[in-house]
Amino acid sequence: MAAPSTALVLGNGGIVGIGWQIGMIAGLAEAGVDLRSADLVIGTSAGAVVGAQIRSELATDELYQRQLRRLNTEIPNRLSVRHLARWALVAGTAPSATSAARRVANASRGKSRVDPVLRLAAVSSRLPEKLWPTRPLWITAVDADTGVLKVFDRDSDVSLAEAVNASCAVPFAWPAASCDGRHYLGGGVRSPMNLDLAKGYGRIVGLASNILTPRRSGKISAQLGRLGAAEATVILPDHAARKAIGPNELDPQRVHAAARAGRTQAIDFVDEVRAVWPVG
């Protein structure tokens, strides 16, 4: 009998969350649990970057070491409390997920002062390889005009960097991303993980350092309920990792500490992940 199909779902977390996720993946690999073997990788925002990285040919430890080096190409940023409150208000009172996304797009339009060209270059610099991987990788974004979820893959008419940039277009912080003739916001506008896209897969592991969402449909508990009989576990930062991540997930200076914290935290979650994920 064939082993149940596996999906790795990687969610929100900003540049700092990228470090934490890579640290977790490296720590689990060191203990013999290889999440890179997933039949499908689904990436949202930070998870889109991590998904592209782990689908590359670079060794896991090299991906980890890259998190510890100086990040000269990153653009420091932060989401203000005012903008977070505005996001929560317009999304939380909308009648549907698509209307919520449209409202957030309208509210955040023109609020970021970051040059879209520089932003795309910064995101592209995080990717070890510029071509889409041959193994399945789904990258989530939301159409800024329609509010509809968009899932990019290697058959989409956009580059890998464009897809990842779209998924990372956090409203208010970064400009909407333009590709394939459309404007996109990050997939996290719909859900912090978009875990429900893994429905039909038998074994699912999720990683995300930020699961805040103003809409019930996007919450992890609600999306886990849609997975049916799948064996699934979602890992979030522990206390030490949250402290390492700090209050601003868009601060490049916190990446190193978050990566180390993720690798350390992985030790305590080996058995939990091994219970779901095939080993050997």
Protein backbone atom coordinates (compact mmCIF):
# COMPACT_ATOMS: atom_id res chain seq x y z
CA MET A 1 0.00 0.00 0.00
CA ALA A 2 1.32 3.45 -0.93
CA ALA A 3 2.23 5.80 1.91
CA PRO A 4 -0.26 8.64 2.50
CA SER A 5 0.65 11.74 0.52
CA THR A 6 2.39 14.50 2.48
CA ALA A 7 1.96 18.26 2.47
CA LEU A 8 4.09 20.89 4.21
CA VAL A 9 2.19 24.14 4.78
CA LEU A 10 4.31 27.20 5.55
CA GLY A 11 2.62 30.38 6.72
CA ASN A 12 3.00 34.00 7.79
CA GLY A 13 5.85 35.50 9.75
CA GLY A 14 7.69 38.23 7.87
CA ILE A 15 11.44 38.20 7.31
CA VAL A 16 11.94 37.10 10.93
CA GLY A 17 9.51 34.22 10.48
CA ILE A 18 11.55 33.00 7.53
CA GLY A 19 14.48 32.54 9.88
CA TRP A 20 12.37 30.70 12.45
CA GLN A 21 10.87 28.33 9.87
CA ILE A 22 14.24 27.49 8.34
CA GLY A 23 15.61 26.91 11.84
CA MET A 24 12.75 24.52 12.61
CA ILE A 25 13.24 22.63 9.35
CA ALA A 26 17.00 22.39 9.94
CA GLY A 27 16.56 21.19 13.53
CA LEU A 28 14.03 18.54 12.53
CA ALA A 29 16.28 17.37 9.69
CA GLU A 30 19.16 17.02 12.14
CA ALA A 31 16.92 14.67 14.16
CA GLY A 32 16.05 12.60 11.10
CA VAL A 33 12.72 14.20 10.11
CA ASP A 34 12.97 15.53 6.56
CA LEU A 35 10.15 17.96 5.83
CA ARG A 36 11.74 18.73 2.46
CA SER A 37 10.51 15.34 1.27
CA ALA A 38 6.93 16.67 1.15
CA ASP A 39 4.92 15.71 -1.91
CA LEU A 40 3.50 19.25 -1.88
CA VAL A 41 4.77 22.46 -0.31
CA ILE A 42 2.28 25.32 0.14
CA GLY A 43 3.76 28.73 0.96
CA THR A 44 2.09 31.90 2.19
CA SER A 45 4.06 35.11 2.75
CA ALA A 46 7.18 34.13 4.73
CA GLY A 47 6.28 30.55 3.90
CA ALA A 48 6.45 31.33 0.19
CA VAL A 49 10.10 32.30 0.59
CA VAL A 50 10.85 29.24 2.70
CA GLY A 51 9.00 27.01 0.27
CA ALA A 52 11.10 28.27 -2.63
CA GLN A 53 14.26 27.85 -0.57
CA ILE A 54 13.63 24.26 0.51
CA ARG A 55 12.60 23.25 -3.02
CA SER A 56 16.04 24.43 -4.23
CA GLU A 57 19.14 22.25 -4.50
CA LEU A 58 20.90 23.93 -1.56
CA ALA A 59 21.57 21.70 1.45
CA THR A 60 19.42 22.31 4.50
CA ASP A 61 22.35 23.42 6.63
CA GLU A 62 23.41 25.92 3.97
CA LEU A 63 19.89 27.37 3.94
CA TYR A 64 20.18 27.68 7.72
CA GLN A 65 23.61 29.32 7.55
CA ARG A 66 22.23 31.88 5.09
CA GLN A 67 19.85 33.03 7.84
CA LEU A 68 22.81 33.83 10.08
CA ARG A 69 24.60 36.06 7.60
CA ARG A 70 24.22 39.81 7.23
CA LEU A 71 21.11 40.74 5.21
CA ASN A 72 22.34 43.68 3.15
CA THR A 73 19.51 43.49 0.62
CA GLU A 74 16.60 43.63 3.09
CA ILE A 75 14.45 46.73 3.59
CA PRO A 76 13.66 47.45 7.27
CA ASN A 77 9.97 48.08 7.87
CA ARG A 78 7.18 47.71 10.38
CA LEU A 79 3.39 47.68 10.53
CA SER A 80 2.07 50.47 12.73
CA VAL A 81 -0.59 49.82 15.35
CA ARG A 82 -2.87 52.19 13.46
CA HIS A 83 -2.54 50.21 10.26
CA LEU A 84 -3.04 46.88 12.05
CA ALA A 85 -6.21 48.23 13.64
CA ARG A 86 -7.46 49.50 10.29
CA TRP A 87 -6.78 46.11 8.70
CA ALA A 88 -8.64 44.28 11.46
CA LEU A 89 -11.61 46.64 11.25
CA VAL A 90 -12.16 46.56 7.49
CA ALA A 91 -11.54 42.82 7.19
CA GLY A 92 -13.36 41.74 10.33
CA THR A 93 -16.61 43.50 9.41
CA ALA A 94 -16.75 42.31 5.79
CA PRO A 95 -19.47 39.80 4.83
CA SER A 96 -17.08 37.41 3.05
CA ALA A 97 -13.40 36.60 2.65
CA THR A 98 -13.28 38.04 -0.85
CA SER A 99 -14.96 41.29 0.16
CA ALA A 100 -12.59 41.49 3.14
CA ALA A 101 -9.61 41.22 0.81
CA ARG A 102 -11.01 43.91 -1.47
CA ARG A 103 -11.60 46.21 1.50
CA VAL A 104 -8.07 45.68 2.78
CA ALA A 105 -6.70 46.36 -0.70
CA ASN A 106 -8.63 49.62 -0.93
CA ALA A 107 -7.67 50.71 2.59
CA SER A 108 -3.97 50.00 2.06
CA ARG A 109 -3.64 51.34 -1.48
CA GLY A 110 -0.83 53.89 -1.66
CA LYS A 111 0.06 53.55 2.04
CA SER A 112 3.44 51.89 1.49
CA ARG A 113 6.25 54.22 0.47
CA VAL A 114 8.56 51.39 -0.62
CA ASP A 115 9.58 51.35 -4.29
CA PRO A 116 7.97 48.24 -5.88
CA VAL A 117 11.10 47.61 -7.98
CA LEU A 118 13.35 47.61 -4.91
CA ARG A 119 10.90 45.39 -3.06
CA LEU A 120 10.88 42.79 -5.84
CA ALA A 121 14.68 42.86 -5.91
CA ALA A 122 14.85 42.29 -2.15
CA VAL A 123 12.47 39.32 -2.32
CA SER A 124 14.27 37.88 -5.34
CA SER A 125 17.60 38.04 -3.48
CA ARG A 126 16.24 35.54 -0.93
CA LEU A 127 15.76 32.84 -3.56
CA PRO A 128 18.68 30.45 -4.18
CA GLU A 129 17.28 29.58 -7.62
CA LYS A 130 15.24 31.75 -9.97
CA LEU A 131 13.41 28.99 -11.86
CA TRP A 132 10.37 27.16 -10.56
CA PRO A 133 11.26 23.83 -8.95
CA THR A 134 10.17 20.61 -10.63
CA ARG A 135 8.62 19.29 -7.41
CA PRO A 136 5.18 20.73 -6.52
CA LEU A 137 5.23 24.17 -4.89
CA TRP A 138 2.12 26.31 -4.49
CA ILE A 139 2.45 30.01 -3.69
CA THR A 140 -0.63 31.88 -2.43
CA ALA A 141 -1.70 35.46 -3.07
CA VAL A 142 -4.95 37.42 -3.27
CA ASP A 143 -6.10 39.44 -6.27
CA ALA A 144 -6.28 43.03 -5.01
CA ASP A 145 -9.19 43.92 -7.31
CA THR A 146 -11.42 40.85 -6.94
CA GLY A 147 -10.33 39.56 -3.52
CA VAL A 148 -10.10 36.05 -4.97
CA LEU A 149 -7.37 33.64 -3.86
CA LYS A 150 -4.66 33.01 -6.45
CA VAL A 151 -2.42 29.96 -6.25
CA PHE A 152 0.73 30.20 -8.35
CA ASP A 153 2.71 27.16 -9.45
CA ARG A 154 5.26 26.25 -12.11
CA ASP A 155 2.52 26.28 -14.77
CA SER A 156 1.59 29.90 -13.99
CA ASP A 157 2.73 32.58 -16.40
CA VAL A 158 4.85 34.38 -13.79
CA SER A 159 8.39 33.94 -12.53
CA LEU A 160 9.09 32.33 -9.18
CA ALA A 161 10.32 35.68 -7.81
CA GLU A 162 7.14 37.42 -8.97
CA ALA A 163 4.94 34.79 -7.32
CA VAL A 164 6.85 34.93 -4.03
CA ASN A 165 6.80 38.73 -4.09
CA ALA A 166 3.03 38.68 -4.57
CA SER A 167 2.61 36.31 -1.64
CA CYS A 168 4.77 38.58 0.54
CA ALA A 169 2.87 41.80 -0.29
CA VAL A 170 1.68 42.55 3.24
CA PRO A 171 -0.92 45.35 3.11
CA PHE A 172 0.18 48.76 4.43
CA ALA A 173 3.81 47.58 4.79
CA TRP A 174 4.62 46.69 1.19
CA PRO A 175 3.18 47.79 -2.16
CA ALA A 176 0.79 45.52 -4.02
CA ALA A 177 2.72 43.27 -6.39
CA SER A 178 2.15 43.49 -10.13
CA CYS A 179 2.43 40.41 -12.32
CA ASP A 180 0.48 38.69 -15.11
CA GLY A 181 -1.39 41.95 -15.66
CA ARG A 182 -2.93 41.94 -12.16
CA HIS A 183 -2.20 43.44 -8.73
CA TYR A 184 -1.83 41.12 -5.75
CA LEU A 185 -1.69 41.25 -1.97
CA GLY A 186 -0.14 38.53 0.15
CA GLY A 187 -1.91 35.22 0.65
CA GLY A 188 -2.00 35.99 4.37
CA VAL A 189 -4.86 38.41 3.69
CA ARG A 190 -7.05 35.32 3.22
CA SER A 191 -5.48 33.17 5.93
CA PRO A 192 -2.20 33.08 7.87
CA MET A 193 -1.46 29.62 6.45
CA ASN A 194 -4.13 28.67 3.88
CA LEU A 195 -3.97 25.26 5.49
CA ASP A 196 -7.23 24.19 3.87
CA LEU A 197 -5.50 24.01 0.48
CA ALA A 198 -3.85 20.79 1.69
CA LYS A 199 -7.20 19.01 1.83
CA GLY A 200 -6.88 15.54 0.32
CA TYR A 201 -3.36 14.98 1.61
CA GLY A 202 -3.02 12.31 4.26
CA ARG A 203 -0.19 13.74 6.37
CA ILE A 204 0.19 17.46 6.93
CA VAL A 205 2.69 19.53 8.91
CA GLY A 206 2.27 23.28 9.24
CA LEU A 207 4.73 25.95 10.41
CA ALA A 208 3.91 29.61 11.01
CA SER A 209 5.13 32.25 13.45
CA ASN A 210 2.16 34.60 13.02
CA ILE A 211 -1.39 33.22 12.84
CA LEU A 212 -3.32 36.38 13.70
CA THR A 213 -6.36 36.96 11.51
CA PRO A 214 -9.53 39.04 11.97
CA ARG A 215 -11.72 36.48 10.21
CA ARG A 216 -12.88 33.18 11.68
CA SER A 217 -12.67 31.40 8.31
CA GLY A 218 -8.95 32.06 8.21
CA LYS A 219 -8.19 30.78 11.70
CA ILE A 220 -6.06 27.66 12.01
CA SER A 221 -8.67 25.81 14.08
CA ALA A 222 -11.33 26.38 11.41
CA GLN A 223 -9.03 25.30 8.61
CA LEU A 224 -7.87 22.20 10.46
CA GLY A 225 -11.53 21.20 10.67
CA ARG A 226 -11.77 21.29 6.88
CA LEU A 227 -8.98 18.77 6.41
CA GLY A 228 -11.18 15.79 7.21
CA ALA A 229 -9.39 12.63 8.31
CA ALA A 230 -5.88 13.86 7.58
CA GLU A 231 -3.19 13.46 10.22
CA ALA A 232 -2.04 17.02 10.81
CA THR A 233 0.02 19.04 13.24
CA VAL A 234 0.74 22.77 13.28
CA ILE A 235 3.79 24.12 15.09
CA LEU A 236 3.99 27.68 16.35
CA PRO A 237 6.88 29.44 18.12
CA ASP A 238 7.39 28.52 21.76
CA HIS A 239 8.05 31.14 24.44
CA ALA A 240 11.78 31.38 23.72
CA ALA A 241 11.19 31.65 19.98
CA ARG A 242 8.53 34.35 20.42
CA LYS A 243 11.01 36.32 22.50
CA ALA A 244 13.67 35.90 19.81
CA ILE A 245 11.26 36.95 17.06
CA GLY A 246 10.36 40.10 18.95
CA PRO A 247 7.55 42.59 18.35
CA ASN A 248 8.39 43.42 14.72
CA GLU A 249 8.51 40.50 12.31
CA LEU A 250 9.73 42.82 9.52
CA ASP A 251 12.99 43.66 11.33
CA PRO A 252 15.94 42.02 9.49
CA GLN A 253 18.11 42.32 12.61
CA ARG A 254 16.00 39.65 14.38
CA VAL A 255 16.44 36.95 11.74
CA HIS A 256 19.58 35.41 13.22
CA ALA A 257 18.09 34.99 16.69
CA ALA A 258 14.83 33.62 15.29
CA ALA A 259 16.67 31.03 13.19
CA ARG A 260 18.66 29.82 16.19
CA ALA A 261 15.50 29.71 18.32
CA GLY A 262 13.69 27.67 15.67
CA ARG A 263 16.50 25.14 15.48
CA THR A 264 16.54 24.81 19.26
CA GLN A 265 12.75 24.52 19.48
CA ALA A 266 12.71 21.73 16.89
CA ILE A 267 14.29 19.36 19.41
CA ASP A 268 11.14 19.44 21.54
CA PHE A 269 8.84 18.75 18.58
CA VAL A 270 10.61 15.83 16.93
CA ASP A 271 8.26 13.21 18.36
CA GLU A 272 5.14 15.24 17.52
CA VAL A 273 6.19 15.66 13.90
CA ARG A 274 7.49 12.11 13.57
CA ALA A 275 4.04 10.84 14.62
CA VAL A 276 2.61 12.49 11.51
CA TRP A 277 5.48 12.51 9.03
CA PRO A 278 6.97 9.38 7.40
CA VAL A 279 10.60 8.80 8.41
CA GLY A 280 13.09 6.70 6.47
